[in-house]
């Protein structure tokens, strides 16, 4: 599919990016800690448009570094080469869903503990 250009291409809508950042700012003003989660897809898809993929990841990382209350969790590097975890290049199968959900639960527990320790609660 990649060789035949039969994939959904990565694209950037600047208006949508601005709206996304405004939404982040709104949530942060309300005291909400925002988690940006990159669910894995097969690495071959990521490599089909490496510059665009890198730009997308860097955009999310920038939001995370710009705002203290935004955390970016990138799970792609953990699982993107474990093809047995996928139904197809962009959908995890039940085993993959379970692994990613368990990883997310662990990470959320750590974030919650860190937040409690910082606030003294």
PDB file of N, CA and C in Angstrom:
ATOM      1  N   UNK A   1       0.820  -1.193   0.000  1.00  0.00           N
ATOM      2  CA  UNK A   1       0.000   0.000   0.000  1.00  0.00           C
ATOM      3  C   UNK A   1       0.866   1.260   0.000  1.00  0.00           C
ATOM      4  N   UNK A   2       1.933   1.230   0.766  1.00  0.00           N
ATOM      5  CA  UNK A   2       2.818   2.393   0.804  1.00  0.00           C
ATOM      6  C   UNK A   2       3.455   2.602  -0.563  1.00  0.00           C
ATOM      7  N   UNK A   3       3.957   1.534  -1.153  1.00  0.00           N
ATOM      8  CA  UNK A   3       4.599   1.634  -2.463  1.00  0.00           C
ATOM      9  C   UNK A   3       3.639   2.130  -3.531  1.00  0.00           C
ATOM     10  N   UNK A   4       2.371   1.796  -3.391  1.00  0.00           N
ATOM     11  CA  UNK A   4       1.357   2.225  -4.359  1.00  0.00           C
ATOM     12  C   UNK A   4       0.688   3.539  -3.960  1.00  0.00           C
ATOM     13  N   UNK A   5       1.206   4.178  -2.934  1.00  0.00           N
ATOM     14  CA  UNK A   5       0.674   5.452  -2.456  1.00  0.00           C
ATOM     15  C   UNK A   5      -0.798   5.343  -2.073  1.00  0.00           C
ATOM     16  N   UNK A   6      -1.141   4.238  -1.419  1.00  0.00           N
ATOM     17  CA  UNK A   6      -2.518   4.003  -0.976  1.00  0.00           C
ATOM     18  C   UNK A   6      -2.639   4.125   0.538  1.00  0.00           C
ATOM     19  N   UNK A   7      -2.076   5.198   1.048  1.00  0.00           N
ATOM     20  CA  UNK A   7      -2.137   5.452   2.483  1.00  0.00           C
ATOM     21  C   UNK A   7      -2.756   6.825   2.719  1.00  0.00           C
ATOM     22  N   UNK A   8      -3.232   7.023   3.932  1.00  0.00           N
ATOM     23  CA  UNK A   8      -3.711   8.350   4.315  1.00  0.00           C
ATOM     24  C   UNK A   8      -2.487   9.177   4.675  1.00  0.00           C
ATOM     25  N   UNK A   9      -2.271  10.232   3.928  1.00  0.00           N
ATOM     26  CA  UNK A   9      -1.077  11.055   4.111  1.00  0.00           C
ATOM     27  C   UNK A   9      -1.214  11.957   5.332  1.00  0.00           C
ATOM     28  N   UNK A  10      -0.073  12.254   5.923  1.00  0.00           N
ATOM     29  CA  UNK A  10      -0.018  13.187   7.039  1.00  0.00           C
ATOM     30  C   UNK A  10      -0.186  14.589   6.467  1.00  0.00           C
ATOM     31  N   UNK A  11      -1.086  15.347   7.060  1.00  0.00           N
ATOM     32  CA  UNK A  11      -1.273  16.725   6.612  1.00  0.00           C
ATOM     33  C   UNK A  11      -1.430  17.628   7.827  1.00  0.00           C
ATOM     34  N   UNK A  12      -1.227  18.899   7.621  1.00  0.00           N
ATOM     35  CA  UNK A  12      -1.287  19.875   8.696  1.00  0.00           C
ATOM     36  C   UNK A  12      -2.240  20.990   8.291  1.00  0.00           C
ATOM     37  N   UNK A  13      -3.219  21.218   9.127  1.00  0.00           N
ATOM     38  CA  UNK A  13      -4.174  22.303   8.936  1.00  0.00           C
ATOM     39  C   UNK A  13      -3.825  23.364   9.971  1.00  0.00           C
ATOM     40  N   UNK A  14      -3.231  24.446   9.529  1.00  0.00           N
ATOM     41  CA  UNK A  14      -2.744  25.471  10.457  1.00  0.00           C
ATOM     42  C   UNK A  14      -3.871  26.047  11.315  1.00  0.00           C
ATOM     43  N   UNK A  15      -5.058  26.207  10.745  1.00  0.00           N
ATOM     44  CA  UNK A  15      -6.194  26.704  11.533  1.00  0.00           C
ATOM     45  C   UNK A  15      -6.552  25.714  12.638  1.00  0.00           C
ATOM     46  N   UNK A  16      -6.506  24.427  12.321  1.00  0.00           N
ATOM     47  CA  UNK A  16      -6.812  23.405  13.326  1.00  0.00           C
ATOM     48  C   UNK A  16      -5.748  23.383  14.426  1.00  0.00           C
ATOM     49  N   UNK A  17      -4.504  23.607  14.058  1.00  0.00           N
ATOM     50  CA  UNK A  17      -3.416  23.647  15.046  1.00  0.00           C
ATOM     51  C   UNK A  17      -3.609  24.826  15.988  1.00  0.00           C
ATOM     52  N   UNK A  18      -3.975  25.973  15.445  1.00  0.00           N
ATOM     53  CA  UNK A  18      -4.240  27.159  16.270  1.00  0.00           C
ATOM     54  C   UNK A  18      -5.420  26.889  17.201  1.00  0.00           C
ATOM     55  N   UNK A  19      -6.483  26.304  16.670  1.00  0.00           N
ATOM     56  CA  UNK A  19      -7.658  25.973  17.481  1.00  0.00           C
ATOM     57  C   UNK A  19      -7.290  24.980  18.584  1.00  0.00           C
ATOM     58  N   UNK A  20      -6.449  23.999  18.265  1.00  0.00           N
ATOM     59  CA  UNK A  20      -6.003  23.020  19.250  1.00  0.00           C
ATOM     60  C   UNK A  20      -5.250  23.705  20.384  1.00  0.00           C
ATOM     61  N   UNK A  21      -4.356  24.617  20.037  1.00  0.00           N
ATOM     62  CA  UNK A  21      -3.602  25.308  21.081  1.00  0.00           C
ATOM     63  C   UNK A  21      -4.515  26.201  21.922  1.00  0.00           C
ATOM     64  N   UNK A  22      -5.477  26.834  21.306  1.00  0.00           N
ATOM     65  CA  UNK A  22      -6.436  27.641  22.063  1.00  0.00           C
ATOM     66  C   UNK A  22      -7.243  26.761  23.023  1.00  0.00           C
ATOM     67  N   UNK A  23      -7.586  25.568  22.569  1.00  0.00           N
ATOM     68  CA  UNK A  23      -8.313  24.627  23.421  1.00  0.00           C
ATOM     69  C   UNK A  23      -7.440  24.200  24.602  1.00  0.00           C
ATOM     70  N   UNK A  24      -6.160  23.947  24.331  1.00  0.00           N
ATOM     71  CA  UNK A  24      -5.227  23.624  25.418  1.00  0.00           C
ATOM     72  C   UNK A  24      -5.178  24.756  26.437  1.00  0.00           C
ATOM     73  N   UNK A  25      -5.032  25.969  25.956  1.00  0.00           N
ATOM     74  CA  UNK A  25      -4.948  27.124  26.853  1.00  0.00           C
ATOM     75  C   UNK A  25      -6.220  27.268  27.688  1.00  0.00           C
ATOM     76  N   UNK A  26      -7.369  27.032  27.078  1.00  0.00           N
ATOM     77  CA  UNK A  26      -8.638  27.092  27.796  1.00  0.00           C
ATOM     78  C   UNK A  26      -8.659  26.053  28.920  1.00  0.00           C
ATOM     79  N   UNK A  27      -8.276  24.823  28.603  1.00  0.00           N
ATOM     80  CA  UNK A  27      -8.263  23.754  29.610  1.00  0.00           C
ATOM     81  C   UNK A  27      -7.279  24.077  30.735  1.00  0.00           C
ATOM     82  N   UNK A  28      -6.127  24.596  30.374  1.00  0.00           N
ATOM     83  CA  UNK A  28      -5.112  24.906  31.374  1.00  0.00           C
ATOM     84  C   UNK A  28      -5.571  26.022  32.308  1.00  0.00           C
ATOM     85  N   UNK A  29      -6.277  27.013  31.770  1.00  0.00           N
ATOM     86  CA  UNK A  29      -6.815  28.087  32.616  1.00  0.00           C
ATOM     87  C   UNK A  29      -7.823  27.552  33.619  1.00  0.00           C
ATOM     88  N   UNK A  30      -8.466  26.437  33.285  1.00  0.00           N
ATOM     89  CA  UNK A  30      -9.426  25.802  34.192  1.00  0.00           C
ATOM     90  C   UNK A  30      -8.738  24.865  35.185  1.00  0.00           C
ATOM     91  N   UNK A  31      -7.399  24.782  35.107  1.00  0.00           N
ATOM     92  CA  UNK A  31      -6.649  23.933  36.021  1.00  0.00           C
ATOM     93  C   UNK A  31      -6.603  22.470  35.619  1.00  0.00           C
ATOM     94  N   UNK A  32      -6.898  22.196  34.365  1.00  0.00           N
ATOM     95  CA  UNK A  32      -6.922  20.813  33.877  1.00  0.00           C
ATOM     96  C   UNK A  32      -5.536  20.432  33.365  1.00  0.00           C
ATOM     97  N   UNK A  33      -5.037  19.320  33.833  1.00  0.00           N
ATOM     98  CA  UNK A  33      -3.794  18.761  33.300  1.00  0.00           C
ATOM     99  C   UNK A  33      -4.160  17.969  32.052  1.00  0.00           C
ATOM    100  N   UNK A  34      -3.520  18.298  30.944  1.00  0.00           N
ATOM    101  CA  UNK A  34      -3.850  17.673  29.664  1.00  0.00           C
ATOM    102  C   UNK A  34      -2.797  16.620  29.321  1.00  0.00           C
ATOM    103  N   UNK A  35      -3.279  15.437  28.937  1.00  0.00           N
ATOM    104  CA  UNK A  35      -2.405  14.353  28.487  1.00  0.00           C
ATOM    105  C   UNK A  35      -2.582  14.213  26.981  1.00  0.00           C
ATOM    106  N   UNK A  36      -1.490  14.373  26.256  1.00  0.00           N
ATOM    107  CA  UNK A  36      -1.483  14.118  24.813  1.00  0.00           C
ATOM    108  C   UNK A  36      -0.893  12.726  24.619  1.00  0.00           C
ATOM    109  N   UNK A  37      -1.647  11.848  24.009  1.00  0.00           N
ATOM    110  CA  UNK A  37      -1.248  10.446  23.884  1.00  0.00           C
ATOM    111  C   UNK A  37      -1.088  10.065  22.420  1.00  0.00           C
ATOM    112  N   UNK A  38       0.087   9.574  22.090  1.00  0.00           N
ATOM    113  CA  UNK A  38       0.335   9.080  20.740  1.00  0.00           C
ATOM    114  C   UNK A  38       0.219   7.558  20.754  1.00  0.00           C
ATOM    115  N   UNK A  39      -0.912   7.079  20.278  1.00  0.00           N
ATOM    116  CA  UNK A  39      -1.147   5.635  20.186  1.00  0.00           C
ATOM    117  C   UNK A  39      -0.295   5.092  19.038  1.00  0.00           C
ATOM    118  N   UNK A  40       0.336   3.956  19.227  1.00  0.00           N
ATOM    119  CA  UNK A  40       1.229   3.453  18.177  1.00  0.00           C
ATOM    120  C   UNK A  40       0.501   3.039  16.907  1.00  0.00           C
ATOM    121  N   UNK A  41       1.201   3.269  15.817  1.00  0.00           N
ATOM    122  CA  UNK A  41       0.854   2.688  14.525  1.00  0.00           C
ATOM    123  C   UNK A  41       2.121   2.012  14.021  1.00  0.00           C
ATOM    124  N   UNK A  42       1.987   1.165  13.039  1.00  0.00           N
ATOM    125  CA  UNK A  42       3.129   0.402  12.534  1.00  0.00           C
ATOM    126  C   UNK A  42       4.210   1.353  12.009  1.00  0.00           C
ATOM    127  N   UNK A  43       5.451   1.066  12.356  1.00  0.00           N
ATOM    128  CA  UNK A  43       6.567   1.942  12.004  1.00  0.00           C
ATOM    129  C   UNK A  43       6.698   2.196  10.504  1.00  0.00           C
ATOM    130  N   UNK A  44       6.296   1.245   9.686  1.00  0.00           N
ATOM    131  CA  UNK A  44       6.401   1.432   8.238  1.00  0.00           C
ATOM    132  C   UNK A  44       5.561   2.622   7.765  1.00  0.00           C
ATOM    133  N   UNK A  45       4.422   2.842   8.400  1.00  0.00           N
ATOM    134  CA  UNK A  45       3.595   4.007   8.061  1.00  0.00           C
ATOM    135  C   UNK A  45       4.285   5.288   8.508  1.00  0.00           C
ATOM    136  N   UNK A  46       4.889   5.268   9.684  1.00  0.00           N
ATOM    137  CA  UNK A  46       5.613   6.437  10.171  1.00  0.00           C
ATOM    138  C   UNK A  46       6.763   6.790   9.235  1.00  0.00           C
ATOM    139  N   UNK A  47       7.394   5.777   8.680  1.00  0.00           N
ATOM    140  CA  UNK A  47       8.549   5.973   7.806  1.00  0.00           C
ATOM    141  C   UNK A  47       8.166   6.353   6.381  1.00  0.00           C
ATOM    142  N   UNK A  48       6.895   6.241   6.038  1.00  0.00           N
ATOM    143  CA  UNK A  48       6.456   6.576   4.675  1.00  0.00           C
ATOM    144  C   UNK A  48       6.617   8.071   4.398  1.00  0.00           C
ATOM    145  N   UNK A  49       6.420   8.885   5.424  1.00  0.00           N
ATOM    146  CA  UNK A  49       6.580  10.337   5.306  1.00  0.00           C
ATOM    147  C   UNK A  49       7.358  10.833   6.523  1.00  0.00           C
ATOM    148  N   UNK A  50       8.648  10.504   6.582  1.00  0.00           N
ATOM    149  CA  UNK A  50       9.409  10.746   7.816  1.00  0.00           C
ATOM    150  C   UNK A  50       9.477  12.206   8.256  1.00  0.00           C
ATOM    151  N   UNK A  51       9.587  13.141   7.314  1.00  0.00           N
ATOM    152  CA  UNK A  51       9.671  14.552   7.700  1.00  0.00           C
ATOM    153  C   UNK A  51       8.351  15.022   8.310  1.00  0.00           C
ATOM    154  N   UNK A  52       7.244  14.636   7.701  1.00  0.00           N
ATOM    155  CA  UNK A  52       5.941  15.035   8.219  1.00  0.00           C
ATOM    156  C   UNK A  52       5.666  14.359   9.569  1.00  0.00           C
ATOM    157  N   UNK A  53       6.041  13.099   9.671  1.00  0.00           N
ATOM    158  CA  UNK A  53       5.849  12.394  10.936  1.00  0.00           C
ATOM    159  C   UNK A  53       6.644  13.078  12.043  1.00  0.00           C
ATOM    160  N   UNK A  54       7.901  13.398  11.754  1.00  0.00           N
ATOM    161  CA  UNK A  54       8.754  14.076  12.724  1.00  0.00           C
ATOM    162  C   UNK A  54       8.145  15.427  13.125  1.00  0.00           C
ATOM    163  N   UNK A  55       7.624  16.153  12.142  1.00  0.00           N
ATOM    164  CA  UNK A  55       7.004  17.451  12.432  1.00  0.00           C
ATOM    165  C   UNK A  55       5.799  17.284  13.370  1.00  0.00           C
ATOM    166  N   UNK A  56       4.996  16.268  13.122  1.00  0.00           N
ATOM    167  CA  UNK A  56       3.813  16.031  13.966  1.00  0.00           C
ATOM    168  C   UNK A  56       4.224  15.732  15.407  1.00  0.00           C
ATOM    169  N   UNK A  57       5.222  14.890  15.569  1.00  0.00           N
ATOM    170  CA  UNK A  57       5.701  14.545  16.914  1.00  0.00           C
ATOM    171  C   UNK A  57       6.315  15.767  17.584  1.00  0.00           C
ATOM    172  N   UNK A  58       7.100  16.524  16.842  1.00  0.00           N
ATOM    173  CA  UNK A  58       7.725  17.725  17.407  1.00  0.00           C
ATOM    174  C   UNK A  58       6.675  18.748  17.832  1.00  0.00           C
ATOM    175  N   UNK A  59       5.596  18.838  17.090  1.00  0.00           N
ATOM    176  CA  UNK A  59       4.518  19.754  17.442  1.00  0.00           C
ATOM    177  C   UNK A  59       3.930  19.383  18.808  1.00  0.00           C
ATOM    178  N   UNK A  60       3.659  18.115  19.003  1.00  0.00           N
ATOM    179  CA  UNK A  60       3.118  17.654  20.286  1.00  0.00           C
ATOM    180  C   UNK A  60       4.129  17.831  21.417  1.00  0.00           C
ATOM    181  N   UNK A  61       5.388  17.570  21.128  1.00  0.00           N
ATOM    182  CA  UNK A  61       6.434  17.762  22.134  1.00  0.00           C
ATOM    183  C   UNK A  61       6.560  19.233  22.535  1.00  0.00           C
ATOM    184  N   UNK A  62       6.414  20.115  21.550  1.00  0.00           N
ATOM    185  CA  UNK A  62       6.477  21.551  21.833  1.00  0.00           C
ATOM    186  C   UNK A  62       5.363  21.997  22.768  1.00  0.00           C
ATOM    187  N   UNK A  63       4.152  21.488  22.531  1.00  0.00           N
ATOM    188  CA  UNK A  63       3.046  21.820  23.431  1.00  0.00           C
ATOM    189  C   UNK A  63       3.369  21.362  24.841  1.00  0.00           C
ATOM    190  N   UNK A  64       3.943  20.185  24.949  1.00  0.00           N
ATOM    191  CA  UNK A  64       4.276  19.624  26.252  1.00  0.00           C
ATOM    192  C   UNK A  64       5.376  20.431  26.938  1.00  0.00           C
ATOM    193  N   UNK A  65       6.358  20.878  26.190  1.00  0.00           N
ATOM    194  CA  UNK A  65       7.447  21.642  26.807  1.00  0.00           C
ATOM    195  C   UNK A  65       7.042  23.092  27.071  1.00  0.00           C
ATOM    196  N   UNK A  66       6.108  23.619  26.301  1.00  0.00           N
ATOM    197  CA  UNK A  66       5.669  25.008  26.461  1.00  0.00           C
ATOM    198  C   UNK A  66       4.769  25.189  27.686  1.00  0.00           C
ATOM    199  N   UNK A  67       3.975  24.168  27.983  1.00  0.00           N
ATOM    200  CA  UNK A  67       2.993  24.272  29.069  1.00  0.00           C
ATOM    201  C   UNK A  67       3.285  23.209  30.134  1.00  0.00           C
ATOM    202  N   UNK A  68       3.468  23.651  31.370  1.00  0.00           N
ATOM    203  CA  UNK A  68       3.775  22.724  32.465  1.00  0.00           C
ATOM    204  C   UNK A  68       2.679  21.693  32.699  1.00  0.00           C
ATOM    205  N   UNK A  69       1.442  22.056  32.424  1.00  0.00           N
ATOM    206  CA  UNK A  69       0.306  21.173  32.702  1.00  0.00           C
ATOM    207  C   UNK A  69      -0.063  20.308  31.501  1.00  0.00           C
ATOM    208  N   UNK A  70       0.836  20.192  30.537  1.00  0.00           N
ATOM    209  CA  UNK A  70       0.604  19.324  29.379  1.00  0.00           C
ATOM    210  C   UNK A  70       1.690  18.258  29.373  1.00  0.00           C
ATOM    211  N   UNK A  71       1.261  17.014  29.280  1.00  0.00           N
ATOM    212  CA  UNK A  71       2.188  15.879  29.220  1.00  0.00           C
ATOM    213  C   UNK A  71       1.960  15.135  27.922  1.00  0.00           C
ATOM    214  N   UNK A  72       3.041  14.869  27.218  1.00  0.00           N
ATOM    215  CA  UNK A  72       2.975  14.106  25.968  1.00  0.00           C
ATOM    216  C   UNK A  72       3.534  12.713  26.223  1.00  0.00           C
ATOM    217  N   UNK A  73       2.694  11.712  25.993  1.00  0.00           N
ATOM    218  CA  UNK A  73       3.104  10.309  26.123  1.00  0.00           C
ATOM    219  C   UNK A  73       3.156   9.712  24.727  1.00  0.00           C
ATOM    220  N   UNK A  74       4.352   9.363  24.309  1.00  0.00           N
ATOM    221  CA  UNK A  74       4.547   8.806  22.966  1.00  0.00           C
ATOM    222  C   UNK A  74       4.792   7.307  23.086  1.00  0.00           C
ATOM    223  N   UNK A  75       3.763   6.526  22.787  1.00  0.00           N
ATOM    224  CA  UNK A  75       3.867   5.071  22.910  1.00  0.00           C
ATOM    225  C   UNK A  75       4.273   4.393  21.615  1.00  0.00           C
ATOM    226  N   UNK A  76       4.424   5.155  20.580  1.00  0.00           N
ATOM    227  CA  UNK A  76       4.747   4.553  19.294  1.00  0.00           C
ATOM    228  C   UNK A  76       6.085   3.813  19.340  1.00  0.00           C
ATOM    229  N   UNK A  77       7.090   4.432  19.950  1.00  0.00           N
ATOM    230  CA  UNK A  77       8.410   3.804  19.960  1.00  0.00           C
ATOM    231  C   UNK A  77       8.429   2.483  20.726  1.00  0.00           C
ATOM    232  N   UNK A  78       7.515   2.320  21.684  1.00  0.00           N
ATOM    233  CA  UNK A  78       7.468   1.075  22.447  1.00  0.00           C
ATOM    234  C   UNK A  78       6.932  -0.102  21.618  1.00  0.00           C
ATOM    235  N   UNK A  79       5.965   0.169  20.754  1.00  0.00           N
ATOM    236  CA  UNK A  79       5.206  -0.919  20.142  1.00  0.00           C
ATOM    237  C   UNK A  79       5.162  -0.922  18.616  1.00  0.00           C
ATOM    238  N   UNK A  80       5.696   0.091  17.950  1.00  0.00           N
ATOM    239  CA  UNK A  80       5.492   0.247  16.508  1.00  0.00           C
ATOM    240  C   UNK A  80       6.112  -0.870  15.664  1.00  0.00           C
ATOM    241  N   UNK A  81       7.047  -1.610  16.205  1.00  0.00           N
ATOM    242  CA  UNK A  81       7.664  -2.707  15.456  1.00  0.00           C
ATOM    243  C   UNK A  81       7.142  -4.079  15.883  1.00  0.00           C
ATOM    244  N   UNK A  82       6.203  -4.087  16.796  1.00  0.00           N
ATOM    245  CA  UNK A  82       5.608  -5.347  17.249  1.00  0.00           C
ATOM    246  C   UNK A  82       4.337  -5.592  16.438  1.00  0.00           C
ATOM    247  N   UNK A  83       4.532  -6.037  15.215  1.00  0.00           N
ATOM    248  CA  UNK A  83       3.437  -6.163  14.252  1.00  0.00           C
ATOM    249  C   UNK A  83       2.329  -7.106  14.712  1.00  0.00           C
ATOM    250  N   UNK A  84       2.652  -8.022  15.588  1.00  0.00           N
ATOM    251  CA  UNK A  84       1.653  -8.962  16.083  1.00  0.00           C
ATOM    252  C   UNK A  84       0.605  -8.273  16.973  1.00  0.00           C
ATOM    253  N   UNK A  85       0.838  -7.021  17.329  1.00  0.00           N
ATOM    254  CA  UNK A  85      -0.094  -6.273  18.171  1.00  0.00           C
ATOM    255  C   UNK A  85      -1.129  -5.489  17.358  1.00  0.00           C
ATOM    256  N   UNK A  86      -1.081  -5.611  16.041  1.00  0.00           N
ATOM    257  CA  UNK A  86      -1.929  -4.812  15.169  1.00  0.00           C
ATOM    258  C   UNK A  86      -2.845  -5.680  14.308  1.00  0.00           C
ATOM    259  N   UNK A  87      -4.088  -5.163  14.118  1.00  0.00           N
ATOM    260  CA  UNK A  87      -4.983  -5.746  13.116  1.00  0.00           C
ATOM    261  C   UNK A  87      -4.507  -5.356  11.722  1.00  0.00           C
ATOM    262  N   UNK A  88      -4.179  -4.096  11.607  1.00  0.00           N
ATOM    263  CA  UNK A  88      -3.692  -3.502  10.360  1.00  0.00           C
ATOM    264  C   UNK A  88      -2.717  -2.404  10.781  1.00  0.00           C
ATOM    265  N   UNK A  89      -2.132  -1.673   9.855  1.00  0.00           N
ATOM    266  CA  UNK A  89      -1.076  -0.721  10.229  1.00  0.00           C
ATOM    267  C   UNK A  89      -1.473   0.379  11.224  1.00  0.00           C
ATOM    268  N   UNK A  90      -2.765   0.657  11.379  1.00  0.00           N
ATOM    269  CA  UNK A  90      -3.131   1.751  12.282  1.00  0.00           C
ATOM    270  C   UNK A  90      -4.055   1.344  13.423  1.00  0.00           C
ATOM    271  N   UNK A  91      -4.431   0.077  13.501  1.00  0.00           N
ATOM    272  CA  UNK A  91      -5.348  -0.364  14.553  1.00  0.00           C
ATOM    273  C   UNK A  91      -4.735  -1.493  15.377  1.00  0.00           C
ATOM    274  N   UNK A  92      -4.674  -1.271  16.674  1.00  0.00           N
ATOM    275  CA  UNK A  92      -4.193  -2.305  17.581  1.00  0.00           C
ATOM    276  C   UNK A  92      -5.238  -3.409  17.714  1.00  0.00           C
ATOM    277  N   UNK A  93      -4.773  -4.644  17.845  1.00  0.00           N
ATOM    278  CA  UNK A  93      -5.683  -5.753  18.129  1.00  0.00           C
ATOM    279  C   UNK A  93      -5.909  -5.801  19.648  1.00  0.00           C
ATOM    280  N   UNK A  94      -6.752  -6.715  20.151  1.00  0.00           N
ATOM    281  CA  UNK A  94      -7.019  -6.751  21.596  1.00  0.00           C
ATOM    282  C   UNK A  94      -5.764  -6.869  22.461  1.00  0.00           C
ATOM    283  N   UNK A  95      -4.795  -7.664  22.032  1.00  0.00           N
ATOM    284  CA  UNK A  95      -3.553  -7.788  22.807  1.00  0.00           C
ATOM    285  C   UNK A  95      -2.821  -6.447  22.849  1.00  0.00           C
ATOM    286  N   UNK A  96      -2.727  -5.775  21.700  1.00  0.00           N
ATOM    287  CA  UNK A  96      -2.079  -4.470  21.648  1.00  0.00           C
ATOM    288  C   UNK A  96      -2.830  -3.434  22.465  1.00  0.00           C
ATOM    289  N   UNK A  97      -4.149  -3.464  22.385  1.00  0.00           N
ATOM    290  CA  UNK A  97      -4.970  -2.535  23.170  1.00  0.00           C
ATOM    291  C   UNK A  97      -4.725  -2.731  24.665  1.00  0.00           C
ATOM    292  N   UNK A  98      -4.646  -3.983  25.070  1.00  0.00           N
ATOM    293  CA  UNK A  98      -4.425  -4.302  26.484  1.00  0.00           C
ATOM    294  C   UNK A  98      -3.053  -3.773  26.941  1.00  0.00           C
ATOM    295  N   UNK A  99      -2.013  -4.020  26.142  1.00  0.00           N
ATOM    296  CA  UNK A  99      -0.671  -3.564  26.507  1.00  0.00           C
ATOM    297  C   UNK A  99      -0.594  -2.043  26.615  1.00  0.00           C
ATOM    298  N   UNK A 100      -1.163  -1.352  25.632  1.00  0.00           N
ATOM    299  CA  UNK A 100      -1.122   0.104  25.638  1.00  0.00           C
ATOM    300  C   UNK A 100      -1.941   0.653  26.809  1.00  0.00           C
ATOM    301  N   UNK A 101      -3.083   0.049  27.079  1.00  0.00           N
ATOM    302  CA  UNK A 101      -3.917   0.496  28.198  1.00  0.00           C
ATOM    303  C   UNK A 101      -3.198   0.290  29.525  1.00  0.00           C
ATOM    304  N   UNK A 102      -2.517  -0.841  29.690  1.00  0.00           N
ATOM    305  CA  UNK A 102      -1.763  -1.090  30.918  1.00  0.00           C
ATOM    306  C   UNK A 102      -0.629  -0.082  31.074  1.00  0.00           C
ATOM    307  N   UNK A 103       0.070   0.224  29.984  1.00  0.00           N
ATOM    308  CA  UNK A 103       1.150   1.218  30.011  1.00  0.00           C
ATOM    309  C   UNK A 103       0.588   2.590  30.383  1.00  0.00           C
ATOM    310  N   UNK A 104      -0.537   2.952  29.784  1.00  0.00           N
ATOM    311  CA  UNK A 104      -1.169   4.235  30.097  1.00  0.00           C
ATOM    312  C   UNK A 104      -1.564   4.296  31.569  1.00  0.00           C
ATOM    313  N   UNK A 105      -2.144   3.235  32.095  1.00  0.00           N
ATOM    314  CA  UNK A 105      -2.549   3.211  33.506  1.00  0.00           C
ATOM    315  C   UNK A 105      -1.337   3.413  34.417  1.00  0.00           C
ATOM    316  N   UNK A 106      -0.235   2.744  34.110  1.00  0.00           N
ATOM    317  CA  UNK A 106       0.985   2.903  34.907  1.00  0.00           C
ATOM    318  C   UNK A 106       1.481   4.343  34.853  1.00  0.00           C
ATOM    319  N   UNK A 107       1.512   4.907  33.656  1.00  0.00           N
ATOM    320  CA  UNK A 107       2.010   6.270  33.497  1.00  0.00           C
ATOM    321  C   UNK A 107       1.100   7.286  34.172  1.00  0.00           C
ATOM    322  N   UNK A 108      -0.201   7.080  34.095  1.00  0.00           N
ATOM    323  CA  UNK A 108      -1.135   7.997  34.756  1.00  0.00           C
ATOM    324  C   UNK A 108      -0.986   7.935  36.272  1.00  0.00           C
ATOM    325  N   UNK A 109      -0.755   6.740  36.815  1.00  0.00           N
ATOM    326  CA  UNK A 109      -0.514   6.613  38.259  1.00  0.00           C
ATOM    327  C   UNK A 109       0.725   7.407  38.669  1.00  0.00           C
ATOM    328  N   UNK A 110       1.797   7.288  37.874  1.00  0.00           N
ATOM    329  CA  UNK A 110       3.023   8.040  38.180  1.00  0.00           C
ATOM    330  C   UNK A 110       2.785   9.544  38.103  1.00  0.00           C
ATOM    331  N   UNK A 111       2.077   9.983  37.074  1.00  0.00           N
ATOM    332  CA  UNK A 111       1.775  11.409  36.938  1.00  0.00           C
ATOM    333  C   UNK A 111       0.939  11.907  38.112  1.00  0.00           C
ATOM    334  N   UNK A 112      -0.021  11.114  38.524  1.00  0.00           N
ATOM    335  CA  UNK A 112      -0.861  11.490  39.654  1.00  0.00           C
ATOM    336  C   UNK A 112      -0.029  11.605  40.931  1.00  0.00           C
ATOM    337  N   UNK A 113       0.868  10.647  41.152  1.00  0.00           N
ATOM    338  CA  UNK A 113       1.741  10.710  42.331  1.00  0.00           C
ATOM    339  C   UNK A 113       2.651  11.936  42.284  1.00  0.00           C
ATOM    340  N   UNK A 114       3.202  12.237  41.116  1.00  0.00           N
ATOM    341  CA  UNK A 114       4.062  13.414  40.974  1.00  0.00           C
ATOM    342  C   UNK A 114       3.282  14.688  41.252  1.00  0.00           C
ATOM    343  N   UNK A 115       2.060  14.747  40.739  1.00  0.00           N
ATOM    344  CA  UNK A 115       1.218  15.933  40.960  1.00  0.00           C
ATOM    345  C   UNK A 115       0.888  16.083  42.423  1.00  0.00           C
ATOM    346  N   UNK A 116       0.559  14.981  43.084  1.00  0.00           N
ATOM    347  CA  UNK A 116       0.248  15.036  44.525  1.00  0.00           C
ATOM    348  C   UNK A 116       1.461  15.473  45.325  1.00  0.00           C
ATOM    349  N   UNK A 117       2.644  14.945  44.961  1.00  0.00           N
ATOM    350  CA  UNK A 117       3.862  15.307  45.691  1.00  0.00           C
ATOM    351  C   UNK A 117       4.182  16.788  45.525  1.00  0.00           C
ATOM    352  N   UNK A 118       3.959  17.328  44.335  1.00  0.00           N
ATOM    353  CA  UNK A 118       4.227  18.748  44.097  1.00  0.00           C
ATOM    354  C   UNK A 118       3.260  19.643  44.860  1.00  0.00           C
ATOM    355  N   UNK A 119       2.019  19.208  44.960  1.00  0.00           N
ATOM    356  CA  UNK A 119       1.014  20.039  45.618  1.00  0.00           C
ATOM    357  C   UNK A 119       0.970  19.797  47.127  1.00  0.00           C
ATOM    358  N   UNK A 120       1.672  18.785  47.603  1.00  0.00           N
ATOM    359  CA  UNK A 120       1.685  18.499  49.037  1.00  0.00           C
ATOM    360  C   UNK A 120       0.468  17.764  49.551  1.00  0.00           C
ATOM    361  N   UNK A 121      -0.326  17.202  48.635  1.00  0.00           N
ATOM    362  CA  UNK A 121      -1.526  16.465  49.059  1.00  0.00           C
ATOM    363  C   UNK A 121      -1.242  15.001  49.149  1.00  0.00           C
TER     364      UNK A 121
END
